[in-house]
Amino acid sequence: MQKQDILNRSKFVGDLIEIVETISARDGARMFAIDGEWGSGKSYVLEMFEEKIASLQSEEEAGDKYFLFHYNCWEYDYYEEPIIAIVAAMLDTVNEKENLFSGKVESFIEGAMKTAGEAVKEIAGEVIKNKIGFDVVGTLEKIKEKGEGIAEENKKFDNLSTFKETLKTVREQLKKIAEYKPIIWVVDELDRCLPDYAIKVLERLHHLLKGIPNITVIIAIDQKQLENSVKQIFGEKTEASQYLKKFIDFTLKLDKGKMTKGFYEKYSSYFELFREFPDGEGEFQNMFYVLFDGYDIRRQEKIMENVELIHRIVCETDEKRDASLMWLEVLWFGLRLRTGSSDFSWILQLNITGNELGMLGLKLGNFMKKMITRIEGRNTTFLNARRRTVLLHENVEDRMFWLWDKVLKENIFVWDEECDLRTEEECAVRFVKLAEVLLS
């Protein structure tokens, strides 16, 4: 699935860069948070930020303007002591981005294993030694990932004096790096860690990085979840928000975002399975917006993955289908999730009551009312003692209603001219059956 800015995060990222640039211009030392619910797209925002900030060049000298380090807390949580994880993340960043320090990175994974206590005492080194005249990465050798010896290495920090000495050494080395070039630390996935580990990470970051000039730390958090973690550890009466202010200077709130038409590109692997539909593209975009309104990006992605998977299973080939089938699949799946019901006979009756509005919510309810009004306005309705028959013209919305009619076997809609949707009809019936199994 392609990465597209479908929630219009560019403005937020631009503001984030401006904040970091302002802090850096004043040689500031700040540790701040981006607060968003799980699935709101914090990781995507940080990725976009890192990509843009890494492209900035220093005006004083050749090369990048910042030293940029990325620390995925959850990815490194097999290290019981977060300082080990932080140092390992630094080294991995250097190894992954050979041009980070405008020089070729040496190999650090050869030779005998070093204990964590020895390793972190020299966190930087040969990468920029010749450039700034001191050892920055030192003798740190890659700690064996998830292998034997990790428990023993963690035990080295049980000794308080060893821990304090390590902390002091790391801070001194970081100060020297920051004197040469500003450092940005990006800390992600804290909300995926266990509560006690998440709090320990915050404490270590505070002791290790806070207050060092020219170091900015950005931490992605779920504020409510983090406050619950604080209370779980220290007791329900703990003033969790006040406790977190020890570590976080200020917080930027990340909302769920507003959908843009970039969703066509993001979910192109699905949309490319259908023929073009210029007669209804704008209305489909509106439908997509209201169906997904309020859903975080991860849930949106999961929904579209399921829709595409079911479509591929029931249609069996990648032959392009009529766009009316796409309308039905997305709308049916979305309505099924919103209402928790599979009784959509009210749609075919071209009638939406207060009950349906209550289930759908204001935005989606109004959209459905307008769609029904458009159907009625374009077509001719005949009433008799048994049922209402609607003669449809050939529009993508009309064709979608015709498919819906075939799925529910109501036989309300008929064409006033020939239209061959037999293949789409078979796919629609099978799609609804399989989707119902998945959602039940």
Protein backbone atom coordinates (compact mmCIF):
# COMPACT_ATOMS: atom_id res chain seq x y z
CA MET A 1 0.00 0.00 0.00
CA GLN A 2 1.44 3.34 -1.06
CA LYS A 3 2.12 6.05 1.49
CA GLN A 4 0.04 9.11 0.69
CA ASP A 5 -0.80 12.15 2.75
CA ILE A 6 -4.56 11.49 2.60
CA LEU A 7 -5.19 13.24 5.93
CA ASN A 8 -3.47 16.48 4.87
CA ARG A 9 -0.66 16.30 7.43
CA SER A 10 1.66 18.59 5.44
CA LYS A 11 0.55 21.68 7.37
CA PHE A 12 1.20 19.97 10.72
CA VAL A 13 4.64 18.80 9.58
CA GLY A 14 5.47 22.29 8.31
CA ASP A 15 4.57 23.76 11.70
CA LEU A 16 6.65 21.06 13.39
CA ILE A 17 9.71 21.94 11.31
CA GLU A 18 9.24 25.65 12.08
CA ILE A 19 9.14 24.89 15.82
CA VAL A 20 12.32 22.81 15.64
CA GLU A 21 14.09 25.45 13.55
CA THR A 22 13.12 28.15 16.05
CA ILE A 23 14.39 26.09 18.98
CA SER A 24 17.62 25.29 17.14
CA ALA A 25 18.24 28.93 16.20
CA ARG A 26 18.32 29.75 19.89
CA ASP A 27 20.57 26.80 20.76
CA GLY A 28 17.64 25.61 22.79
CA ALA A 29 17.11 22.39 24.71
CA ARG A 30 13.55 21.17 24.46
CA MET A 31 11.74 17.89 24.92
CA PHE A 32 8.19 18.04 23.58
CA ALA A 33 5.46 15.62 22.56
CA ILE A 34 3.08 14.93 19.69
CA ASP A 35 -0.11 13.64 21.28
CA GLY A 36 -2.45 11.50 19.21
CA GLU A 37 -4.62 8.47 19.78
CA TRP A 38 -3.31 5.09 18.70
CA GLY A 39 -3.71 4.87 14.94
CA SER A 40 -3.97 8.64 14.38
CA GLY A 41 -0.88 8.60 12.16
CA LYS A 42 1.85 9.78 14.53
CA SER A 43 4.44 7.50 12.92
CA TYR A 44 3.51 8.76 9.45
CA VAL A 45 3.88 12.37 10.61
CA LEU A 46 7.30 11.63 12.12
CA GLU A 47 8.44 9.88 8.95
CA MET A 48 7.37 12.87 6.87
CA PHE A 49 9.08 15.21 9.33
CA GLU A 50 12.33 13.20 9.28
CA GLU A 51 12.36 13.11 5.50
CA LYS A 52 11.92 16.87 5.22
CA ILE A 53 14.25 17.86 8.07
CA ALA A 54 16.98 15.54 6.75
CA SER A 55 16.89 17.37 3.42
CA LEU A 56 17.83 20.70 5.04
CA GLN A 57 21.41 21.68 4.41
CA SER A 58 23.69 23.67 6.69
CA GLU A 59 24.41 27.23 5.55
CA GLU A 60 27.75 27.31 7.39
CA GLU A 61 29.22 24.11 5.95
CA ALA A 62 28.54 21.31 3.52
CA GLY A 63 26.30 18.53 4.70
CA ASP A 64 23.14 18.05 6.67
CA LYS A 65 21.96 20.75 9.05
CA TYR A 66 21.12 18.32 11.85
CA PHE A 67 22.22 15.04 13.36
CA LEU A 68 18.96 13.10 13.26
CA PHE A 69 18.43 10.02 15.44
CA HIS A 70 15.36 7.79 15.39
CA TYR A 71 14.48 5.68 18.43
CA ASN A 72 11.64 3.18 18.08
CA CYS A 73 10.99 2.25 21.71
CA TRP A 74 8.94 -0.84 20.93
CA GLU A 75 11.47 -2.17 18.42
CA TYR A 76 14.24 -2.02 21.03
CA ASP A 77 12.29 -3.05 24.12
CA TYR A 78 14.11 -6.39 24.38
CA TYR A 79 16.82 -4.36 26.11
CA GLU A 80 15.59 -4.15 29.70
CA GLU A 81 17.65 -1.01 30.26
CA PRO A 82 16.47 1.78 27.90
CA ILE A 83 19.88 3.46 27.85
CA ILE A 84 21.28 0.40 26.09
CA ALA A 85 18.39 0.60 23.62
CA ILE A 86 18.96 4.33 23.04
CA VAL A 87 22.65 3.79 22.30
CA ALA A 88 21.87 0.84 20.02
CA ALA A 89 19.34 3.02 18.17
CA MET A 90 22.01 5.69 17.68
CA LEU A 91 24.41 3.22 16.18
CA ASP A 92 21.74 1.68 13.94
CA THR A 93 20.84 5.15 12.66
CA VAL A 94 24.47 5.82 11.76
CA ASN A 95 24.85 2.45 10.08
CA GLU A 96 21.63 2.83 8.09
CA LYS A 97 22.42 6.33 6.83
CA GLU A 98 26.02 6.37 5.73
CA ASN A 99 25.88 10.02 4.76
CA LEU A 100 24.41 11.17 8.08
CA PHE A 101 27.76 12.60 9.16
CA SER A 102 28.94 13.33 5.62
CA GLY A 103 31.38 10.42 5.79
CA LYS A 104 31.62 6.70 5.29
CA VAL A 105 30.54 4.62 8.27
CA GLU A 106 32.99 1.99 9.47
CA SER A 107 31.94 -1.52 10.44
CA PHE A 108 31.12 -1.86 14.14
CA ILE A 109 29.82 -5.39 14.23
CA GLU A 110 33.11 -7.28 13.89
CA GLY A 111 35.23 -8.50 16.78
CA ALA A 112 34.46 -9.81 20.22
CA MET A 113 31.27 -8.94 22.08
CA LYS A 114 31.55 -5.98 24.42
CA THR A 115 29.43 -5.68 27.51
CA ALA A 116 26.79 -2.98 27.44
CA GLY A 117 28.56 -1.17 30.27
CA GLU A 118 31.75 -0.90 28.22
CA ALA A 119 29.92 -0.13 25.00
CA VAL A 120 27.90 2.89 26.05
CA LYS A 121 30.89 4.67 27.58
CA GLU A 122 31.98 5.55 24.07
CA ILE A 123 28.87 6.18 22.00
CA ALA A 124 30.44 7.85 19.01
CA GLY A 125 33.68 7.59 17.21
CA GLU A 126 35.50 6.91 14.03
CA VAL A 127 32.62 8.16 11.90
CA ILE A 128 33.40 11.80 12.63
CA LYS A 129 36.62 11.50 14.67
CA ASN A 130 38.76 13.10 12.00
CA LYS A 131 36.27 15.89 11.50
CA ILE A 132 35.79 17.09 15.08
CA GLY A 133 38.76 15.59 16.83
CA PHE A 134 37.26 13.23 19.39
CA ASP A 135 35.82 9.76 19.64
CA VAL A 136 32.05 9.75 19.21
CA VAL A 137 31.02 6.21 18.42
CA GLY A 138 34.01 4.57 20.06
CA THR A 139 34.27 0.87 20.59
CA LEU A 140 30.54 0.19 20.61
CA GLU A 141 29.89 -3.08 18.88
CA LYS A 142 26.51 -4.29 17.88
CA ILE A 143 24.90 -6.02 20.87
CA LYS A 144 23.68 -9.37 19.67
CA GLU A 145 19.99 -8.86 18.79
CA LYS A 146 17.69 -10.91 20.98
CA GLY A 147 20.47 -13.41 21.50
CA GLU A 148 22.28 -14.92 24.44
CA GLY A 149 24.10 -12.53 26.70
CA ILE A 150 21.49 -9.77 26.73
CA ALA A 151 20.36 -10.65 30.25
CA GLU A 152 23.94 -10.50 31.49
CA GLU A 153 24.52 -7.17 29.78
CA ASN A 154 21.42 -5.71 31.40
CA LYS A 155 22.63 -6.86 34.81
CA LYS A 156 25.67 -4.63 34.44
CA PHE A 157 23.36 -1.70 35.17
CA ASP A 158 22.17 -3.09 38.47
CA ASN A 159 25.10 -1.36 40.07
CA LEU A 160 24.03 2.23 40.72
CA SER A 161 27.54 3.66 40.43
CA THR A 162 28.01 1.96 37.06
CA PHE A 163 24.72 3.40 35.84
CA LYS A 164 25.56 6.94 36.97
CA GLU A 165 29.01 6.76 35.41
CA THR A 166 27.54 5.53 32.14
CA LEU A 167 24.90 8.27 32.16
CA LYS A 168 27.51 10.94 32.79
CA THR A 169 29.77 9.69 30.00
CA VAL A 170 26.99 9.51 27.45
CA ARG A 171 25.77 13.02 28.30
CA GLU A 172 29.29 14.46 27.95
CA GLN A 173 29.73 12.87 24.54
CA LEU A 174 26.33 14.10 23.39
CA LYS A 175 27.21 17.63 24.51
CA LYS A 176 30.30 17.52 22.29
CA ILE A 177 28.31 16.33 19.28
CA ALA A 178 25.70 19.05 19.86
CA GLU A 179 28.42 21.71 19.94
CA TYR A 180 29.36 20.66 16.41
CA LYS A 181 25.86 20.34 14.98
CA PRO A 182 22.30 20.40 16.44
CA ILE A 183 20.83 17.01 17.35
CA ILE A 184 17.22 15.97 16.84
CA TRP A 185 15.94 12.88 18.60
CA VAL A 186 12.70 11.39 17.27
CA VAL A 187 11.11 8.92 19.69
CA ASP A 188 8.29 6.77 18.35
CA GLU A 189 6.02 3.84 19.35
CA LEU A 190 6.08 4.61 23.07
CA ASP A 191 2.38 3.74 23.25
CA ARG A 192 3.13 0.15 22.16
CA CYS A 193 5.43 -0.51 25.13
CA LEU A 194 4.36 -1.98 28.45
CA PRO A 195 3.46 0.73 31.01
CA ASP A 196 6.50 0.31 33.28
CA TYR A 197 8.90 0.25 30.33
CA ALA A 198 7.28 3.32 28.74
CA ILE A 199 7.74 5.33 31.94
CA LYS A 200 11.31 4.10 32.30
CA VAL A 201 12.03 5.28 28.73
CA LEU A 202 10.76 8.77 29.59
CA GLU A 203 12.87 8.87 32.72
CA ARG A 204 16.02 7.78 30.85
CA LEU A 205 15.45 10.30 28.06
CA HIS A 206 15.01 13.00 30.69
CA HIS A 207 18.23 12.12 32.52
CA LEU A 208 20.19 11.53 29.34
CA LEU A 209 19.13 14.37 27.04
CA LYS A 210 17.14 17.05 28.85
CA GLY A 211 18.86 20.38 29.26
CA ILE A 212 21.73 19.76 26.82
CA PRO A 213 21.97 22.82 24.54
CA ASN A 214 21.27 22.17 20.87
CA ILE A 215 19.33 18.94 21.46
CA THR A 216 15.64 18.75 20.58
CA VAL A 217 13.64 15.66 21.50
CA ILE A 218 10.27 14.88 19.88
CA ILE A 219 8.25 12.10 21.50
CA ALA A 220 5.10 10.59 20.00
CA ILE A 221 2.64 9.78 22.78
CA ASP A 222 -0.96 8.90 23.51
CA GLN A 223 -1.52 11.26 26.44
CA LYS A 224 -4.51 9.44 27.92
CA GLN A 225 -2.82 6.07 27.71
CA LEU A 226 0.39 7.44 29.20
CA GLU A 227 -1.49 9.03 32.10
CA ASN A 228 -3.18 5.69 32.75
CA SER A 229 0.26 4.06 32.80
CA VAL A 230 1.46 6.58 35.39
CA LYS A 231 -1.55 5.85 37.62
CA GLN A 232 -1.13 2.12 37.16
CA ILE A 233 2.46 2.34 38.41
CA PHE A 234 2.24 5.05 41.07
CA GLY A 235 -1.40 4.82 42.14
CA GLU A 236 -4.76 6.19 41.03
CA LYS A 237 -4.39 9.37 43.09
CA THR A 238 -1.23 10.39 41.24
CA GLU A 239 -1.49 13.69 39.34
CA ALA A 240 -0.45 12.01 36.08
CA SER A 241 -0.46 15.14 33.93
CA GLN A 242 1.79 16.96 36.41
CA TYR A 243 4.14 13.99 36.58
CA LEU A 244 4.53 13.95 32.79
CA LYS A 245 5.39 17.65 32.77
CA LYS A 246 8.70 16.67 34.40
CA PHE A 247 9.69 15.19 31.05
CA ILE A 248 7.66 17.09 28.46
CA ASP A 249 7.99 20.86 28.01
CA PHE A 250 4.94 21.25 25.76
CA THR A 251 2.59 19.14 23.66
CA LEU A 252 1.25 19.42 20.11
CA LYS A 253 -2.14 17.79 19.58
CA LEU A 254 -2.53 15.63 16.46
CA ASP A 255 -6.18 15.19 15.51
CA LYS A 256 -7.56 12.51 13.20
CA GLY A 257 -7.10 14.74 10.17
CA LYS A 258 -9.27 15.62 7.20
CA MET A 259 -9.41 13.32 4.19
CA THR A 260 -7.99 14.52 0.86
CA LYS A 261 -8.40 12.94 -2.55
CA GLY A 262 -4.94 11.45 -2.14
CA PHE A 263 -6.86 8.34 -1.08
CA TYR A 264 -7.11 7.41 -4.78
CA GLU A 265 -3.34 7.08 -4.93
CA LYS A 266 -3.02 5.48 -1.50
CA TYR A 267 -5.51 2.72 -2.33
CA SER A 268 -4.69 2.58 -6.04
CA SER A 269 -4.21 -1.21 -5.99
CA TYR A 270 -7.96 -1.47 -5.29
CA PHE A 271 -9.29 1.35 -7.44
CA GLU A 272 -7.30 0.15 -10.46
CA LEU A 273 -9.48 -3.00 -10.45
CA PHE A 274 -12.38 -0.93 -11.87
CA ARG A 275 -13.13 0.97 -15.03
CA GLU A 276 -13.15 4.77 -14.89
CA PHE A 277 -16.35 6.54 -13.83
CA PRO A 278 -16.11 10.25 -14.70
CA ASP A 279 -19.87 10.66 -14.21
CA GLY A 280 -19.64 10.07 -10.44
CA GLU A 281 -16.08 10.62 -9.26
CA GLY A 282 -16.92 13.67 -7.17
CA GLU A 283 -19.82 11.96 -5.43
CA PHE A 284 -17.76 8.84 -4.74
CA GLN A 285 -15.11 11.04 -3.12
CA ASN A 286 -17.79 12.61 -0.91
CA MET A 287 -19.09 9.16 0.00
CA PHE A 288 -15.60 8.02 0.93
CA TYR A 289 -15.11 11.07 3.15
CA VAL A 290 -18.30 10.61 5.16
CA LEU A 291 -17.91 6.84 5.47
CA PHE A 292 -14.41 7.19 6.92
CA ASP A 293 -15.04 10.35 8.92
CA GLY A 294 -13.71 9.94 12.45
CA TYR A 295 -11.77 6.76 11.70
CA ASP A 296 -8.04 6.83 12.40
CA ILE A 297 -5.68 6.04 9.53
CA ARG A 298 -4.90 2.50 10.69
CA ARG A 299 -8.56 1.57 10.79
CA GLN A 300 -9.10 3.12 7.37
CA GLU A 301 -6.23 1.08 5.97
CA LYS A 302 -7.56 -2.11 7.54
CA ILE A 303 -11.02 -1.54 6.08
CA MET A 304 -9.68 -0.98 2.58
CA GLU A 305 -7.37 -3.99 2.85
CA ASN A 306 -10.39 -6.14 3.72
CA VAL A 307 -12.53 -4.69 0.92
CA GLU A 308 -9.79 -5.32 -1.64
CA LEU A 309 -9.10 -8.83 -0.33
CA ILE A 310 -12.77 -9.84 -0.53
CA HIS A 311 -13.11 -8.33 -4.01
CA ARG A 312 -10.11 -10.27 -5.31
CA ILE A 313 -11.43 -13.50 -3.81
CA VAL A 314 -14.94 -13.23 -5.23
CA CYS A 315 -13.99 -11.82 -8.63
CA GLU A 316 -11.14 -14.30 -9.07
CA THR A 317 -9.39 -12.33 -11.83
CA ASP A 318 -7.95 -8.80 -12.12
CA GLU A 319 -10.26 -8.01 -15.03
CA LYS A 320 -11.53 -4.46 -14.61
CA ARG A 321 -15.12 -4.33 -13.39
CA ASP A 322 -17.75 -1.65 -13.67
CA ALA A 323 -17.31 1.13 -11.10
CA SER A 324 -20.81 0.48 -9.74
CA LEU A 325 -19.42 -2.66 -8.08
CA MET A 326 -16.76 -0.56 -6.35
CA TRP A 327 -19.46 1.81 -5.07
CA LEU A 328 -21.45 -1.09 -3.70
CA GLU A 329 -18.47 -2.79 -2.02
CA VAL A 330 -17.20 0.33 -0.27
CA LEU A 331 -20.64 1.65 0.70
CA TRP A 332 -21.99 -1.70 1.90
CA PHE A 333 -18.88 -2.45 3.97
CA GLY A 334 -18.85 1.06 5.42
CA LEU A 335 -22.55 1.03 6.30
CA ARG A 336 -22.23 -2.43 7.81
CA LEU A 337 -19.48 -1.19 10.12
CA ARG A 338 -21.31 2.02 11.01
CA THR A 339 -24.70 0.49 11.76
CA GLY A 340 -23.84 -3.05 12.86
CA SER A 341 -26.79 -4.17 10.71
CA SER A 342 -27.08 -5.84 7.31
CA ASP A 343 -30.72 -4.78 6.78
CA PHE A 344 -30.47 -2.09 4.13
CA SER A 345 -33.92 -2.49 2.58
CA TRP A 346 -34.63 1.15 3.46
CA ILE A 347 -32.10 2.21 0.84
CA LEU A 348 -33.99 0.44 -1.93
CA GLN A 349 -37.26 1.91 -0.70
CA LEU A 350 -35.67 5.32 -1.38
CA ASN A 351 -36.64 6.32 2.11
CA ILE A 352 -34.53 7.27 5.12
CA THR A 353 -36.24 7.76 8.47
CA GLY A 354 -35.18 9.05 11.86
CA ASN A 355 -34.12 5.54 12.85
CA GLU A 356 -31.65 5.27 9.99
CA LEU A 357 -30.37 8.80 10.63
CA GLY A 358 -29.73 7.84 14.23
CA MET A 359 -27.67 4.83 13.18
CA LEU A 360 -25.73 6.64 10.46
CA GLY A 361 -24.95 9.92 12.18
CA LEU A 362 -25.56 13.38 10.75
CA LYS A 363 -22.91 13.50 7.98
CA LEU A 364 -23.47 10.04 6.57
CA GLY A 365 -27.23 10.31 7.00
CA ASN A 366 -27.35 13.55 5.04
CA PHE A 367 -25.17 12.07 2.31
CA MET A 368 -27.51 9.09 1.95
CA LYS A 369 -30.56 11.37 1.82
CA LYS A 370 -28.95 13.42 -0.97
CA MET A 371 -28.02 10.28 -2.89
CA ILE A 372 -31.59 9.01 -2.66
CA THR A 373 -32.87 12.41 -3.80
CA ARG A 374 -30.53 12.29 -6.82
CA ILE A 375 -31.79 8.81 -7.73
CA GLU A 376 -35.40 9.96 -7.55
CA GLY A 377 -34.66 13.12 -9.51
CA ARG A 378 -33.00 11.28 -12.38
CA ASN A 379 -35.49 8.43 -12.68
CA THR A 380 -39.18 7.64 -13.08
CA THR A 381 -41.09 5.92 -10.28
CA PHE A 382 -44.28 3.84 -10.78
CA LEU A 383 -46.44 2.88 -7.84
CA ASN A 384 -48.87 -0.01 -7.81
CA ALA A 385 -50.63 -2.06 -5.14
CA ARG A 386 -47.62 -4.36 -4.60
CA ARG A 387 -44.45 -2.31 -4.93
CA ARG A 388 -42.72 0.72 -6.35
CA THR A 389 -40.77 0.21 -9.57
CA VAL A 390 -37.97 2.57 -10.49
CA LEU A 391 -36.83 2.84 -14.11
CA LEU A 392 -33.12 3.63 -13.98
CA HIS A 393 -31.06 5.54 -16.48
CA GLU A 394 -27.44 4.52 -16.94
CA ASN A 395 -25.50 6.44 -14.29
CA VAL A 396 -22.88 4.90 -11.97
CA GLU A 397 -25.05 5.56 -8.89
CA ASP A 398 -28.05 4.07 -10.67
CA ARG A 399 -26.07 0.97 -11.58
CA MET A 400 -24.92 0.63 -7.97
CA PHE A 401 -28.56 0.74 -6.78
CA TRP A 402 -29.47 -1.89 -9.37
CA LEU A 403 -26.71 -4.18 -8.01
CA TRP A 404 -27.91 -3.52 -4.45
CA ASP A 405 -31.39 -4.53 -5.57
CA LYS A 406 -30.04 -7.81 -6.96
CA VAL A 407 -28.10 -8.54 -3.77
CA LEU A 408 -31.26 -8.11 -1.64
CA LYS A 409 -33.52 -9.73 -4.28
CA GLU A 410 -36.12 -6.97 -4.03
CA ASN A 411 -36.66 -6.51 -7.80
CA ILE A 412 -37.60 -2.87 -7.36
CA PHE A 413 -35.24 -1.43 -9.96
CA VAL A 414 -35.39 -2.07 -13.68
CA TRP A 415 -33.51 -0.53 -16.60
CA ASP A 416 -35.18 1.53 -19.25
CA GLU A 417 -32.47 0.32 -21.64
CA GLU A 418 -30.08 -2.62 -21.93
CA CYS A 419 -27.17 -2.71 -19.49
CA ASP A 420 -25.09 -5.85 -19.01
CA LEU A 421 -23.92 -6.14 -15.38
CA ARG A 422 -24.29 -9.90 -15.01
CA THR A 423 -20.65 -10.42 -13.98
CA GLU A 424 -20.82 -7.53 -11.51
CA GLU A 425 -24.08 -8.92 -10.13
CA GLU A 426 -22.44 -12.28 -9.37
CA CYS A 427 -19.47 -10.56 -7.73
CA ALA A 428 -21.73 -8.28 -5.66
CA VAL A 429 -23.76 -11.18 -4.27
CA ARG A 430 -20.63 -13.14 -3.37
CA PHE A 431 -18.94 -10.04 -1.91
CA VAL A 432 -21.80 -9.36 0.51
CA LYS A 433 -21.97 -12.99 1.62
CA LEU A 434 -18.23 -13.22 2.32
CA ALA A 435 -18.08 -9.75 3.96
CA GLU A 436 -20.98 -10.71 6.22
CA VAL A 437 -19.04 -13.79 7.37
CA LEU A 438 -15.98 -11.64 8.04
CA LEU A 439 -17.90 -9.01 10.02
CA SER A 440 -20.27 -11.26 11.95
